[in-house]
N, C-alpha and C. Protein backbone atom coordinates (compact mmCIF):
# COMPACT_ATOMS: atom_id res chain seq x y z
N MET A 1 -26.86 42.92 -11.30
CA MET A 1 -25.81 42.17 -11.11
C MET A 1 -25.06 41.86 -9.46
N LYS A 2 -25.28 40.74 -9.00
CA LYS A 2 -25.18 40.71 -7.52
C LYS A 2 -23.46 40.66 -7.20
N ARG A 3 -23.22 41.33 -6.27
CA ARG A 3 -21.61 41.85 -6.11
C ARG A 3 -21.12 40.70 -5.40
N PRO A 4 -19.85 40.04 -5.54
CA PRO A 4 -19.53 39.18 -5.17
C PRO A 4 -18.66 39.28 -3.47
N THR A 5 -18.77 38.26 -2.96
CA THR A 5 -18.10 38.58 -1.48
C THR A 5 -16.91 39.05 -1.28
N ALA A 6 -16.48 39.73 -0.09
CA ALA A 6 -15.09 39.98 -0.17
C ALA A 6 -14.05 38.90 -0.75
N LEU A 7 -14.34 37.50 0.12
CA LEU A 7 -13.09 36.19 0.13
C LEU A 7 -13.16 35.55 -1.61
N LYS A 8 -14.61 36.05 -2.63
CA LYS A 8 -14.48 35.57 -3.56
C LYS A 8 -13.95 36.38 -4.82
N ALA A 9 -14.00 37.93 -4.17
CA ALA A 9 -12.78 38.94 -4.78
C ALA A 9 -11.97 38.52 -4.69
N ILE A 10 -11.23 38.41 -3.52
CA ILE A 10 -9.86 38.19 -3.55
C ILE A 10 -9.33 37.05 -4.21
N ARG A 11 -10.10 35.94 -4.36
CA ARG A 11 -10.09 34.76 -5.13
C ARG A 11 -9.88 35.14 -6.19
N ALA A 12 -10.90 36.12 -7.11
CA ALA A 12 -10.65 36.63 -8.32
C ALA A 12 -9.28 37.07 -8.51
N LYS A 13 -9.07 37.80 -7.95
CA LYS A 13 -7.62 38.64 -7.78
C LYS A 13 -6.53 37.69 -7.89
N CYS A 14 -6.65 36.95 -7.39
CA CYS A 14 -5.16 35.94 -7.02
C CYS A 14 -5.28 34.57 -8.52
N ILE A 15 -6.40 34.77 -8.78
CA ILE A 15 -6.83 34.03 -9.81
C ILE A 15 -5.64 34.72 -11.44
N ASN A 16 -6.60 35.98 -10.99
CA ASN A 16 -6.11 36.95 -12.57
C ASN A 16 -4.03 36.82 -12.05
N CYS A 17 -3.53 37.17 -10.79
CA CYS A 17 -2.58 37.53 -10.37
C CYS A 17 -1.41 36.37 -11.01
N SER A 18 -2.08 34.97 -10.90
CA SER A 18 -1.40 33.71 -11.16
C SER A 18 -1.52 33.18 -12.58
N GLY A 19 -1.87 34.18 -13.47
CA GLY A 19 -1.92 33.61 -14.96
C GLY A 19 -3.21 32.86 -15.12
N PHE A 20 -4.42 33.08 -14.48
CA PHE A 20 -5.46 32.21 -14.50
C PHE A 20 -5.45 31.12 -14.36
N GLN A 21 -4.46 30.54 -13.70
CA GLN A 21 -4.32 29.30 -13.35
C GLN A 21 -4.27 28.79 -11.51
N PRO A 22 -5.68 28.00 -11.62
CA PRO A 22 -5.96 28.02 -10.21
C PRO A 22 -4.93 27.27 -9.00
N LYS A 23 -4.21 26.40 -10.10
CA LYS A 23 -3.10 25.74 -9.56
C LYS A 23 -1.94 26.42 -8.64
N GLU A 24 -1.39 27.70 -9.81
CA GLU A 24 -0.78 28.38 -9.38
C GLU A 24 -1.07 28.96 -7.98
N VAL A 25 -2.56 29.41 -7.98
CA VAL A 25 -3.02 30.12 -6.43
C VAL A 25 -2.46 29.36 -5.39
N LYS A 26 -2.94 28.22 -5.33
CA LYS A 26 -2.82 27.41 -4.10
C LYS A 26 -1.04 27.33 -3.70
N GLU A 27 -0.01 26.81 -4.82
CA GLU A 27 1.02 27.27 -4.89
C GLU A 27 2.02 28.54 -4.59
N CYS A 28 1.08 29.40 -4.38
CA CYS A 28 1.57 30.87 -4.43
C CYS A 28 2.86 31.15 -3.58
N PRO A 29 4.18 31.67 -3.70
CA PRO A 29 5.05 31.87 -3.29
C PRO A 29 5.02 33.05 -2.66
N VAL A 30 4.30 34.30 -2.64
CA VAL A 30 4.43 35.46 -2.54
C VAL A 30 3.46 35.65 -1.03
N LYS A 31 4.32 35.31 0.03
CA LYS A 31 3.72 35.19 1.43
C LYS A 31 3.70 36.65 1.84
N SER A 32 4.21 37.47 1.45
CA SER A 32 4.29 39.23 1.72
C SER A 32 3.01 39.40 1.24
N CYS A 33 2.22 39.12 0.44
CA CYS A 33 1.37 39.67 -0.28
C CYS A 33 -0.22 39.69 0.71
N ALA A 34 -0.82 40.63 1.22
CA ALA A 34 -1.53 40.99 2.17
C ALA A 34 -2.85 40.44 1.68
N LEU A 35 -3.12 39.73 0.60
CA LEU A 35 -4.06 38.78 0.35
C LEU A 35 -4.13 37.20 0.48
N TRP A 36 -2.55 37.05 0.63
CA TRP A 36 -2.07 35.63 0.39
C TRP A 36 -2.87 34.50 1.48
N PRO A 37 -3.05 34.95 2.74
CA PRO A 37 -3.77 34.59 3.51
C PRO A 37 -5.07 33.62 3.22
N PHE A 38 -5.82 34.60 2.33
CA PHE A 38 -6.97 34.49 1.98
C PHE A 38 -7.24 34.02 0.36
N ARG A 39 -6.05 33.58 -0.05
CA ARG A 39 -6.09 33.30 -1.60
C ARG A 39 -7.09 31.83 -2.20
N MET A 40 -7.34 31.35 -1.36
CA MET A 40 -8.08 30.14 -1.42
C MET A 40 -9.53 30.03 -1.37
N GLY A 41 -10.14 31.33 -0.59
CA GLY A 41 -11.53 31.55 -0.63
C GLY A 41 -11.82 31.20 0.80
N ARG A 42 -10.70 31.23 1.63
CA ARG A 42 -11.80 31.50 3.11
C ARG A 42 -10.66 32.20 4.10
N GLY A 43 -11.06 32.62 5.20
CA GLY A 43 -10.91 33.44 6.16
C GLY A 43 -9.86 33.06 7.08
N TYR A 44 -9.54 33.42 7.98
CA TYR A 44 -8.54 33.18 9.07
C TYR A 44 -9.27 31.68 10.02
N ASP A 45 -10.87 32.35 10.51
CA ASP A 45 -11.37 31.39 10.85
C ASP A 45 -11.99 29.91 10.42
N GLU A 46 -12.40 29.88 8.95
CA GLU A 46 -13.07 29.24 8.60
C GLU A 46 -12.03 27.81 8.17
N PRO A 47 -13.03 26.55 8.48
CA PRO A 47 -12.04 25.46 8.29
C PRO A 47 -11.92 24.85 7.18
N LEU A 48 -10.71 24.07 6.61
CA LEU A 48 -10.70 23.46 5.59
C LEU A 48 -11.95 22.63 4.71
N LYS A 49 -11.85 22.88 3.79
CA LYS A 49 -12.69 21.96 3.00
C LYS A 49 -11.81 20.24 3.17
N PRO A 50 -12.55 19.09 3.17
CA PRO A 50 -11.49 17.99 3.15
C PRO A 50 -10.84 17.63 2.07
N GLY A 51 -10.22 17.09 2.23
CA GLY A 51 -9.00 17.03 0.65
C GLY A 51 -7.91 17.97 0.53
N VAL A 52 -8.42 18.90 1.45
CA VAL A 52 -7.59 20.20 0.96
C VAL A 52 -6.27 20.30 2.18
N SER A 53 -4.78 20.20 1.74
CA SER A 53 -3.88 20.26 2.44
C SER A 53 -3.38 21.48 3.12
N GLY A 54 -2.95 21.61 4.56
CA GLY A 54 -2.32 22.99 4.69
C GLY A 54 -3.91 23.69 5.32
N THR A 55 -3.47 24.73 6.12
CA THR A 55 -4.35 25.95 6.71
C THR A 55 -3.95 27.18 5.92
N ALA A 56 -4.66 28.05 6.03
CA ALA A 56 -4.37 29.32 5.90
C ALA A 56 -3.69 30.05 7.42
N GLU A 57 -4.05 29.31 8.75
CA GLU A 57 -3.38 29.69 9.59
C GLU A 57 -2.00 29.36 9.84
N ASP A 58 -1.81 27.92 9.16
CA ASP A 58 -0.30 27.56 8.96
C ASP A 58 0.68 28.33 8.35
N ASN A 59 0.14 28.92 7.28
CA ASN A 59 1.53 29.63 6.60
C ASN A 59 1.06 31.16 6.43
N THR A 60 0.30 31.60 7.17
CA THR A 60 0.17 33.26 7.55
C THR A 60 1.14 34.09 7.50
N THR A 61 1.86 34.82 7.65
CA THR A 61 2.73 35.86 7.63
C THR A 61 2.22 36.59 8.93
N GLN A 62 3.07 37.47 9.48
CA GLN A 62 2.35 38.23 10.59
C GLN A 62 1.79 39.40 10.14
N VAL A 63 0.82 39.34 10.62
CA VAL A 63 -0.53 40.31 10.12
C VAL A 63 -0.37 41.46 11.62
N SER A 64 -0.58 42.54 11.41
CA SER A 64 -0.50 43.78 12.17
C SER A 64 -1.78 43.86 12.40
N ASP A 65 -2.15 44.52 13.57
CA ASP A 65 -3.54 44.69 14.44
C ASP A 65 -4.03 45.38 13.27
N LEU A 66 -3.60 46.48 12.90
CA LEU A 66 -4.42 47.66 11.95
C LEU A 66 -4.65 46.66 10.36
N GLU A 67 -3.90 45.94 9.87
CA GLU A 67 -4.14 45.04 8.97
C GLU A 67 -5.59 44.16 9.36
N LYS A 68 -5.84 43.63 10.25
CA LYS A 68 -6.55 42.77 10.84
C LYS A 68 -8.15 43.84 10.87
N GLU A 69 -7.76 44.74 11.75
CA GLU A 69 -8.73 45.77 11.70
C GLU A 69 -9.58 45.95 10.37
N LEU A 70 -8.45 46.54 9.33
CA LEU A 70 -8.91 46.65 7.98
C LEU A 70 -9.39 45.34 7.05
N ILE A 71 -9.16 44.08 7.66
CA ILE A 71 -9.48 43.03 7.03
C ILE A 71 -10.90 42.71 7.52
N GLU A 72 -11.15 42.97 8.50
CA GLU A 72 -12.74 42.71 9.26
C GLU A 72 -13.71 43.44 9.09
N THR A 73 -13.29 45.02 8.57
CA THR A 73 -14.33 45.89 8.14
C THR A 73 -15.30 45.77 6.80
């Protein structure tokens, strides 16, 4: 079985956390969650797909340099 990418694994965790309701992932109010900026299956630098409003960068909380380093590895 092929391992999912990190972003796909994060997306799956967010769907699980939201009670398996993908719409709730998009509207997630828990901005203090370390996974929140990645909940839609894209990272900081990836552009939005057409038809999706907002960006991860618009709504990201302050991420420390250590957290960024951990995310990039």
